[in-house]
Amino acid sequence: MSPIYTKTGDTGETSLFGGGRVGKDDARVDAYGEVDELNAAVGLARAEGLGELDGLAHQLQEELFVLGAVLATPAGTKAEKVIPKLNPEWVSAMEKAIDDFDRVLTPLSSFILPGGTRPAAALHLARAVCRRAERKVVPLFRSGKIDSTGVVFLNRLSDLLFTMARVANLRAGTPDVPWMPKRG
């Protein structure tokens, strides 16, 4: 049998890191699945060519793997002691990056439509996936299964991805497109 398929999930269950089996529709599995999709969306943005933003995007992917591991590991298991931990300093680093980027961006006076260049559009897509992941992680926090660090990380990450999309457009010479709602 291939190490890729084990057939252990054929009945709709999966194993958590550190032991225990849960349904594939379990809130914890749903949350780390969304984080996995987010990581893939950031990878897609990187494949579009992010230039100077690529190093930051790579670091974000590394941090998303840590978040996925945290979400896949129930508290109190032996595995919890060996997985990497979410670092609150990552949030500060994201805030600094946003502040640095904001110095070169035109202040927003309206909402903008997601898009522009392919890299910017991919970053906007990653931002939307990030918001969905955040909505799946919040119930785990509210139920006491994880602390707030993952929620704060995802909240700030969506802001950073939005800002990175604007920077990608700026560096390509492509203006953001303001949303102009139709009146009447």
Protein backbone atom coordinates (compact mmCIF):
# COMPACT_ATOMS: atom_id res chain seq x y z
CA MET A 1 0.00 0.00 0.00
CA SER A 2 1.20 3.50 -0.82
CA PRO A 3 2.16 5.79 2.08
CA ILE A 4 -0.10 8.39 0.42
CA TYR A 5 -3.32 6.48 0.93
CA THR A 6 -4.08 4.54 4.09
CA LYS A 7 -7.80 3.81 3.65
CA THR A 8 -8.31 4.74 7.32
CA GLY A 9 -10.50 7.69 6.31
CA ASP A 10 -12.82 5.71 4.07
CA THR A 11 -15.55 5.75 6.73
CA GLY A 12 -15.52 9.54 7.11
CA GLU A 13 -13.15 9.73 10.06
CA THR A 14 -9.61 10.98 10.43
CA SER A 15 -6.92 10.91 13.10
CA LEU A 16 -5.87 13.99 14.99
CA PHE A 17 -2.20 14.60 15.68
CA GLY A 18 -1.49 13.12 19.07
CA GLY A 19 -4.24 10.54 18.88
CA GLY A 20 -7.95 10.24 18.72
CA ARG A 21 -10.27 9.93 15.76
CA VAL A 22 -12.98 12.37 14.78
CA GLY A 23 -15.35 12.80 11.88
CA LYS A 24 -13.99 14.63 8.87
CA ASP A 25 -16.78 17.13 9.46
CA ASP A 26 -15.52 17.88 12.99
CA ALA A 27 -15.04 21.60 13.69
CA ARG A 28 -11.32 21.10 14.31
CA VAL A 29 -10.84 19.28 10.98
CA ASP A 30 -12.93 21.90 9.20
CA ALA A 31 -10.72 24.66 10.65
CA TYR A 32 -7.39 23.14 9.76
CA GLY A 33 -8.74 22.24 6.32
CA GLU A 34 -9.53 25.90 5.73
CA VAL A 35 -6.04 26.88 6.90
CA ASP A 36 -4.61 24.31 4.49
CA GLU A 37 -6.63 25.87 1.65
CA LEU A 38 -5.38 29.30 2.71
CA ASN A 39 -1.80 28.05 2.57
CA ALA A 40 -2.43 26.72 -0.94
CA ALA A 41 -3.94 30.09 -1.96
CA VAL A 42 -0.82 31.88 -0.73
CA GLY A 43 1.21 29.34 -2.71
CA LEU A 44 -0.84 30.17 -5.80
CA ALA A 45 -0.13 33.87 -5.27
CA ARG A 46 3.58 33.07 -5.02
CA ALA A 47 3.39 31.07 -8.25
CA GLU A 48 1.98 34.17 -9.97
CA GLY A 49 5.22 35.98 -9.14
CA LEU A 50 5.24 38.27 -6.13
CA GLY A 51 8.72 39.73 -6.60
CA GLU A 52 9.88 41.41 -3.41
CA LEU A 53 6.77 40.16 -1.58
CA ASP A 54 7.70 36.50 -2.13
CA GLY A 55 9.92 36.15 0.96
CA LEU A 56 7.16 37.47 3.19
CA ALA A 57 4.61 35.17 1.54
CA HIS A 58 6.92 32.19 2.09
CA GLN A 59 7.23 33.09 5.79
CA LEU A 60 3.44 33.31 6.04
CA GLN A 61 3.15 29.81 4.57
CA GLU A 62 5.54 28.49 7.22
CA GLU A 63 3.46 30.14 9.94
CA LEU A 64 0.24 28.74 8.46
CA PHE A 65 1.70 25.23 8.74
CA VAL A 66 2.26 25.89 12.44
CA LEU A 67 -1.34 27.08 12.82
CA GLY A 68 -2.54 23.93 11.04
CA ALA A 69 -0.50 21.77 13.42
CA VAL A 70 -1.92 23.61 16.44
CA LEU A 71 -5.46 23.14 15.16
CA ALA A 72 -4.85 19.42 14.46
CA THR A 73 -3.52 18.76 17.97
CA PRO A 74 -5.93 18.53 20.89
CA ALA A 75 -4.81 20.19 24.11
CA GLY A 76 -3.40 17.89 26.75
CA THR A 77 -1.89 15.34 24.36
CA LYS A 78 1.79 14.44 24.32
CA ALA A 79 1.95 15.74 20.77
CA GLU A 80 1.07 19.21 22.01
CA LYS A 81 4.49 19.39 23.63
CA VAL A 82 6.39 18.66 20.39
CA ILE A 83 4.59 20.76 17.78
CA PRO A 84 5.76 24.31 17.11
CA LYS A 85 3.80 27.04 18.82
CA LEU A 86 2.14 30.11 17.38
CA ASN A 87 4.31 33.09 18.16
CA PRO A 88 2.48 36.29 19.18
CA GLU A 89 5.43 38.23 17.71
CA TRP A 90 4.24 37.12 14.24
CA VAL A 91 1.26 39.44 14.68
CA SER A 92 3.57 42.34 15.55
CA ALA A 93 5.67 41.56 12.47
CA MET A 94 2.56 41.60 10.28
CA GLU A 95 1.47 44.93 11.77
CA LYS A 96 4.93 46.37 11.05
CA ALA A 97 4.77 45.12 7.45
CA ILE A 98 1.31 46.67 7.01
CA ASP A 99 2.56 49.98 8.46
CA ASP A 100 5.63 49.94 6.18
CA PHE A 101 3.50 49.19 3.11
CA ASP A 102 0.95 51.86 4.03
CA ARG A 103 3.70 54.49 3.82
CA VAL A 104 3.96 53.92 0.05
CA LEU A 105 0.28 53.30 -0.69
CA THR A 106 -2.30 55.95 -1.44
CA PRO A 107 -4.74 56.14 1.48
CA LEU A 108 -8.07 54.50 0.70
CA SER A 109 -11.09 56.75 0.27
CA SER A 110 -13.43 53.96 -0.86
CA PHE A 111 -13.68 50.21 -1.02
CA ILE A 112 -11.69 48.64 -3.84
CA LEU A 113 -12.62 45.78 -6.12
CA PRO A 114 -10.41 42.70 -5.72
CA GLY A 115 -8.22 42.33 -8.76
CA GLY A 116 -5.72 44.23 -10.83
CA THR A 117 -2.70 42.14 -11.70
CA ARG A 118 -2.73 38.35 -11.47
CA PRO A 119 -0.51 38.36 -8.34
CA ALA A 120 -2.76 40.97 -6.68
CA ALA A 121 -5.90 39.04 -7.61
CA ALA A 122 -4.38 35.87 -6.14
CA LEU A 123 -3.55 37.74 -2.93
CA HIS A 124 -7.13 39.05 -2.75
CA LEU A 125 -8.36 35.47 -3.17
CA ALA A 126 -6.03 34.37 -0.36
CA ARG A 127 -7.48 37.18 1.80
CA ALA A 128 -11.01 35.91 1.20
CA VAL A 129 -9.96 32.35 2.05
CA CYS A 130 -8.25 33.73 5.17
CA ARG A 131 -11.51 35.32 6.32
CA ARG A 132 -13.29 31.99 5.83
CA ALA A 133 -10.59 30.18 7.80
CA GLU A 134 -10.95 32.75 10.56
CA ARG A 135 -14.71 32.08 10.72
CA LYS A 136 -13.93 28.36 11.23
CA VAL A 137 -11.26 28.97 13.89
CA VAL A 138 -13.35 31.37 16.01
CA PRO A 139 -15.73 28.63 17.29
CA LEU A 140 -12.73 26.58 18.48
CA PHE A 141 -11.53 29.60 20.44
CA ARG A 142 -14.98 30.34 21.83
CA SER A 143 -15.36 26.73 22.97
CA GLY A 144 -11.97 26.82 24.73
CA LYS A 145 -10.27 24.30 22.42
CA ILE A 146 -7.59 26.82 21.39
CA ASP A 147 -6.37 30.14 22.73
CA SER A 148 -6.91 33.44 20.93
CA THR A 149 -3.52 33.51 19.18
CA GLY A 150 -4.77 31.74 16.04
CA VAL A 151 -7.76 34.05 15.71
CA VAL A 152 -5.63 37.16 16.11
CA PHE A 153 -3.08 35.76 13.63
CA LEU A 154 -5.72 35.13 10.95
CA ASN A 155 -7.41 38.48 11.54
CA ARG A 156 -4.15 40.35 11.04
CA LEU A 157 -3.12 38.09 8.15
CA SER A 158 -6.22 39.03 6.16
CA ASP A 159 -5.28 42.70 6.60
CA LEU A 160 -1.73 41.96 5.47
CA LEU A 161 -2.86 39.99 2.41
CA PHE A 162 -5.14 42.89 1.40
CA THR A 163 -2.25 45.33 1.79
CA MET A 164 0.12 43.03 -0.11
CA ALA A 165 -2.39 42.89 -2.99
CA ARG A 166 -2.41 46.67 -3.15
CA VAL A 167 1.39 46.74 -3.10
CA ALA A 168 1.55 44.15 -5.90
CA ASN A 169 -0.67 46.39 -8.02
CA LEU A 170 1.34 49.49 -7.14
CA ARG A 171 4.64 47.88 -8.08
CA ALA A 172 3.17 46.75 -11.39
CA GLY A 173 1.85 50.25 -12.13
CA THR A 174 -1.75 49.02 -12.02
CA PRO A 175 -4.13 51.21 -10.01
CA ASP A 176 -6.62 49.75 -7.57
CA VAL A 177 -10.18 49.99 -8.90
CA PRO A 178 -12.51 51.78 -6.49
CA TRP A 179 -15.96 50.36 -5.95
CA MET A 180 -18.46 52.88 -7.23
CA PRO A 181 -21.92 51.82 -6.08
CA LYS A 182 -24.75 52.67 -8.43
CA ARG A 183 -27.13 55.21 -6.97
CA GLY A 184 -30.87 55.03 -7.42
